[in-house]
Amino acid sequence: MQLTYPPSYLFSPSYAFLPRWSPDGKTIVFFETDSHGAAKIYGVSADGMPPQLLMPDDQSQQLDPNWSPDENKIVFGGAGNDPASTIRILDLKTHQVDTLPGSLGLFSPRWSPDGRYIPALSIDSTRLLLFDFQTQKWTELAKGRVGWLEFSHDGRYLQFLDSTGSGTVWKIRLSDGKKEQVVDLKNFVTAGYYGSSLAIAPDDSPLLLRDSGTQDIYSLDWERSLN
């Protein structure tokens, strides 16, 4: 079933990015960008109802939406190249939008399965930081060329892609900050709209996109029939 429509549906070139299922599996949030670079967040029901703009009166950039565990809120950020980007939270019941304290210059947030933490990236993607709702403070978890944050399903670990050098997928334990290598990407050519991507399977193994179209060379034997 097609849930979004071609660009002509919105009367201008527009493309859907980074969809996220709600915890109950009934709704998907995503953001769209138009030909002018404006990004807005939509929600669409899995039963095929038309997409709904969630913050029609908010004129700022709205990217990378993620659900709260109770499905009542959406956390999102600004553009990755905008120093004025902040991490904001939309309350779906009151439609109020609040900004996380100390989040200026951060983007690409996630929400931990237990609801306690929100990690995000610095605007230059060189620092991974974690906001703790209990302490109301940010702490630094890792440095590098960091992107594509994903929580383990039990919420104990945060996986991320570090593109420093040949690239590595790491996981870091929130309780003590211990970092472990998940997979070395030395011989893996990543692909994706943003050059790479990372998701996790139900068993927490990493899901990556690999570019095999222009990097691999194959040989074959051609048997030509004379008939």
Protein backbone atom coordinates (compact mmCIF):
# COMPACT_ATOMS: atom_id res chain seq x y z
CA MET A 1 0.00 0.00 0.00
CA GLN A 2 1.32 3.42 -0.96
CA LEU A 3 1.26 5.76 2.05
CA THR A 4 2.77 8.93 0.58
CA TYR A 5 2.33 10.43 -2.85
CA PRO A 6 4.46 11.73 -5.71
CA PRO A 7 5.72 15.33 -5.47
CA SER A 8 2.75 16.62 -7.48
CA TYR A 9 0.46 15.65 -4.57
CA LEU A 10 1.91 18.53 -2.56
CA PHE A 11 2.08 20.80 -5.62
CA SER A 12 5.86 21.16 -5.40
CA PRO A 13 8.86 18.81 -5.54
CA SER A 14 8.95 17.10 -2.14
CA TYR A 15 10.53 13.90 -0.84
CA ALA A 16 9.93 11.72 2.25
CA PHE A 17 12.83 10.81 4.57
CA LEU A 18 13.61 8.67 7.65
CA PRO A 19 10.22 7.08 8.46
CA ARG A 20 9.68 5.79 12.00
CA TRP A 21 6.96 3.39 13.18
CA SER A 22 5.07 4.26 16.34
CA PRO A 23 5.56 1.70 19.15
CA ASP A 24 2.04 0.32 18.55
CA GLY A 25 2.73 -0.10 14.81
CA LYS A 26 -0.22 2.03 13.70
CA THR A 27 1.39 5.30 12.62
CA ILE A 28 4.55 6.43 10.83
CA VAL A 29 6.23 9.80 11.23
CA PHE A 30 8.67 11.16 8.66
CA PHE A 31 9.87 14.47 7.28
CA GLU A 32 9.62 15.90 3.79
CA THR A 33 11.77 18.52 2.11
CA ASP A 34 10.61 20.71 -0.74
CA SER A 35 12.56 22.29 -3.60
CA HIS A 36 13.51 25.22 -1.34
CA GLY A 37 15.01 22.96 1.34
CA ALA A 38 12.18 23.44 3.85
CA ALA A 39 11.69 20.34 6.02
CA LYS A 40 8.39 19.52 7.73
CA ILE A 41 7.24 16.55 9.80
CA TYR A 42 4.21 14.46 8.83
CA GLY A 43 2.34 11.57 10.35
CA VAL A 44 0.56 8.92 8.29
CA SER A 45 -1.65 6.06 9.40
CA ALA A 46 -0.70 2.56 8.32
CA ASP A 47 -4.27 2.06 7.04
CA GLY A 48 -3.65 4.47 4.15
CA MET A 49 -5.20 7.73 5.33
CA PRO A 50 -3.60 10.90 3.84
CA PRO A 51 -0.45 12.22 5.58
CA GLN A 52 -1.03 14.97 8.16
CA LEU A 53 1.32 17.90 8.78
CA LEU A 54 2.04 17.82 12.52
CA MET A 55 3.25 21.41 13.05
CA PRO A 56 1.69 23.52 10.29
CA ASP A 57 2.34 26.85 12.05
CA ASP A 58 6.00 26.18 12.90
CA GLN A 59 8.22 27.78 10.26
CA SER A 60 11.54 26.34 11.48
CA GLN A 61 13.27 23.29 10.03
CA GLN A 62 11.80 20.00 11.30
CA LEU A 63 13.94 16.88 10.72
CA ASP A 64 14.52 13.35 11.99
CA PRO A 65 11.37 12.73 14.09
CA ASN A 66 11.39 9.93 16.67
CA TRP A 67 8.66 8.65 18.99
CA SER A 68 8.58 8.70 22.76
CA PRO A 69 7.97 5.22 24.22
CA ASP A 70 4.43 6.18 25.29
CA GLU A 71 3.64 7.50 21.76
CA ASN A 72 2.48 10.86 23.17
CA LYS A 73 5.45 12.91 21.99
CA ILE A 74 7.82 13.36 19.05
CA VAL A 75 11.43 14.47 19.44
CA PHE A 76 13.07 16.13 16.45
CA GLY A 77 15.94 18.41 15.47
CA GLY A 78 16.94 21.02 12.95
CA ALA A 79 19.16 20.77 9.90
CA GLY A 80 22.57 19.16 10.29
CA ASN A 81 24.31 22.20 8.80
CA ASP A 82 22.53 24.81 10.93
CA PRO A 83 24.36 26.05 14.08
CA ALA A 84 20.99 27.29 15.37
CA SER A 85 19.54 23.77 15.40
CA THR A 86 18.07 22.63 18.73
CA ILE A 87 16.42 19.45 19.98
CA ARG A 88 12.69 19.98 20.41
CA ILE A 89 9.76 17.89 21.62
CA LEU A 90 6.22 18.02 20.24
CA ASP A 91 3.43 16.99 22.64
CA LEU A 92 0.86 15.32 20.37
CA LYS A 93 -1.96 15.92 22.87
CA THR A 94 -1.40 19.62 23.62
CA HIS A 95 0.47 20.49 20.37
CA GLN A 96 2.99 22.35 22.50
CA VAL A 97 6.63 22.37 21.35
CA ASP A 98 9.41 22.61 23.95
CA THR A 99 13.19 22.86 23.53
CA LEU A 100 15.55 20.63 25.50
CA PRO A 101 17.85 22.80 27.65
CA GLY A 102 21.43 23.04 26.44
CA SER A 103 20.64 21.60 23.01
CA LEU A 104 21.77 24.52 20.84
CA GLY A 105 23.96 23.22 18.01
CA LEU A 106 22.67 19.64 18.25
CA PHE A 107 20.64 17.55 15.80
CA SER A 108 19.51 13.98 14.95
CA PRO A 109 17.90 12.97 18.28
CA ARG A 110 16.59 9.57 19.36
CA TRP A 111 14.51 8.47 22.36
CA SER A 112 15.57 5.57 24.57
CA PRO A 113 13.05 2.72 25.01
CA ASP A 114 12.72 3.49 28.73
CA GLY A 115 12.08 7.19 28.06
CA ARG A 116 14.96 8.41 30.21
CA TYR A 117 17.53 9.45 27.60
CA ILE A 118 17.80 11.38 24.35
CA PRO A 119 21.10 11.17 22.45
CA ALA A 120 22.00 13.67 19.72
CA LEU A 121 24.92 14.74 17.55
CA SER A 122 26.90 17.96 17.50
CA ILE A 123 26.34 20.05 14.40
CA ASP A 124 29.69 18.96 12.91
CA SER A 125 28.90 15.28 13.65
CA THR A 126 32.09 14.85 15.70
CA ARG A 127 30.50 14.39 19.15
CA LEU A 128 27.79 12.08 20.48
CA LEU A 129 26.01 13.50 23.50
CA LEU A 130 23.34 12.13 25.83
CA PHE A 131 20.58 14.02 27.66
CA ASP A 132 19.35 12.50 30.93
CA PHE A 133 15.84 13.59 31.92
CA GLN A 134 16.57 12.74 35.56
CA THR A 135 19.59 15.05 35.85
CA GLN A 136 18.53 17.48 33.07
CA LYS A 137 22.14 17.43 31.83
CA TRP A 138 24.07 16.47 28.70
CA THR A 139 27.13 14.21 28.83
CA GLU A 140 29.56 13.28 26.06
CA LEU A 141 29.56 9.61 25.05
CA ALA A 142 31.91 9.48 22.06
CA LYS A 143 33.94 11.44 19.51
CA GLY A 144 34.69 10.73 15.85
CA ARG A 145 32.71 11.08 12.62
CA VAL A 146 29.49 9.94 14.22
CA GLY A 147 26.06 9.26 12.74
CA TRP A 148 23.01 6.98 12.54
CA LEU A 149 22.13 6.45 16.19
CA GLU A 150 20.10 3.35 17.10
CA PHE A 151 19.15 1.97 20.51
CA SER A 152 19.24 -1.74 21.28
CA HIS A 153 15.78 -3.08 21.90
CA ASP A 154 16.39 -3.40 25.64
CA GLY A 155 17.67 0.19 25.76
CA ARG A 156 20.98 -0.73 27.42
CA TYR A 157 23.16 0.06 24.40
CA LEU A 158 23.35 2.73 21.74
CA GLN A 159 24.76 1.73 18.35
CA PHE A 160 26.24 4.25 15.95
CA LEU A 161 28.27 4.47 12.77
CA ASP A 162 31.70 6.09 13.04
CA SER A 163 33.00 6.93 9.55
CA THR A 164 36.46 7.90 10.82
CA GLY A 165 39.02 6.07 8.68
CA SER A 166 37.54 2.96 7.05
CA GLY A 167 34.45 3.12 9.27
CA THR A 168 33.15 1.10 12.20
CA VAL A 169 29.83 0.30 13.84
CA TRP A 170 30.17 0.71 17.60
CA LYS A 171 27.87 0.10 20.53
CA ILE A 172 28.19 1.93 23.81
CA ARG A 173 26.69 0.84 27.13
CA LEU A 174 24.79 3.67 28.78
CA SER A 175 25.40 2.50 32.34
CA ASP A 176 29.18 2.97 32.25
CA GLY A 177 30.08 4.32 28.78
CA LYS A 178 31.92 1.13 27.75
CA LYS A 179 32.37 1.05 23.96
CA GLU A 180 32.56 -2.15 21.90
CA GLN A 181 33.15 -2.67 18.20
CA VAL A 182 30.22 -4.35 16.45
CA VAL A 183 31.67 -4.60 12.92
CA ASP A 184 34.67 -3.19 11.02
CA LEU A 185 33.69 -1.63 7.68
CA LYS A 186 37.18 -1.74 6.17
CA ASN A 187 36.07 -3.63 3.06
CA PHE A 188 32.48 -2.43 3.07
CA VAL A 189 31.46 0.41 0.73
CA THR A 190 28.46 2.10 2.35
CA ALA A 191 25.55 3.54 0.40
CA GLY A 192 22.41 5.55 1.02
CA TYR A 193 20.89 8.94 0.28
CA TYR A 194 23.24 10.53 2.83
CA GLY A 195 26.15 8.29 1.82
CA SER A 196 25.49 5.66 4.49
CA SER A 197 22.79 4.30 6.78
CA LEU A 198 22.38 2.14 9.85
CA ALA A 199 19.40 0.37 11.38
CA ILE A 200 19.11 -2.64 13.67
CA ALA A 201 17.37 -5.99 13.24
CA PRO A 202 15.13 -7.56 15.91
CA ASP A 203 18.20 -9.31 17.33
CA ASP A 204 20.09 -5.96 17.47
CA SER A 205 22.45 -6.90 14.62
CA PRO A 206 23.28 -3.92 12.35
CA LEU A 207 21.51 -3.40 9.02
CA LEU A 208 23.63 -1.50 6.48
CA LEU A 209 23.32 -0.49 2.82
CA ARG A 210 26.24 -1.64 0.66
CA ASP A 211 27.25 -0.14 -2.68
CA SER A 212 27.94 -3.06 -5.01
CA GLY A 213 27.05 -1.34 -8.29
CA THR A 214 30.32 0.37 -9.19
CA GLN A 215 32.87 -1.03 -6.76
CA ASP A 216 32.89 -4.74 -7.61
CA ILE A 217 34.27 -6.41 -10.75
CA TYR A 218 32.96 -9.77 -11.92
CA SER A 219 34.02 -12.26 -14.60
CA LEU A 220 31.77 -14.67 -16.48
CA ASP A 221 31.99 -17.36 -19.11
CA TRP A 222 29.90 -16.62 -22.18
CA GLU A 223 28.71 -19.62 -24.14
CA ARG A 224 27.39 -18.57 -27.53
CA SER A 225 25.03 -20.87 -29.40
CA LEU A 226 25.69 -21.33 -33.13
CA ASN A 227 22.11 -22.35 -33.90
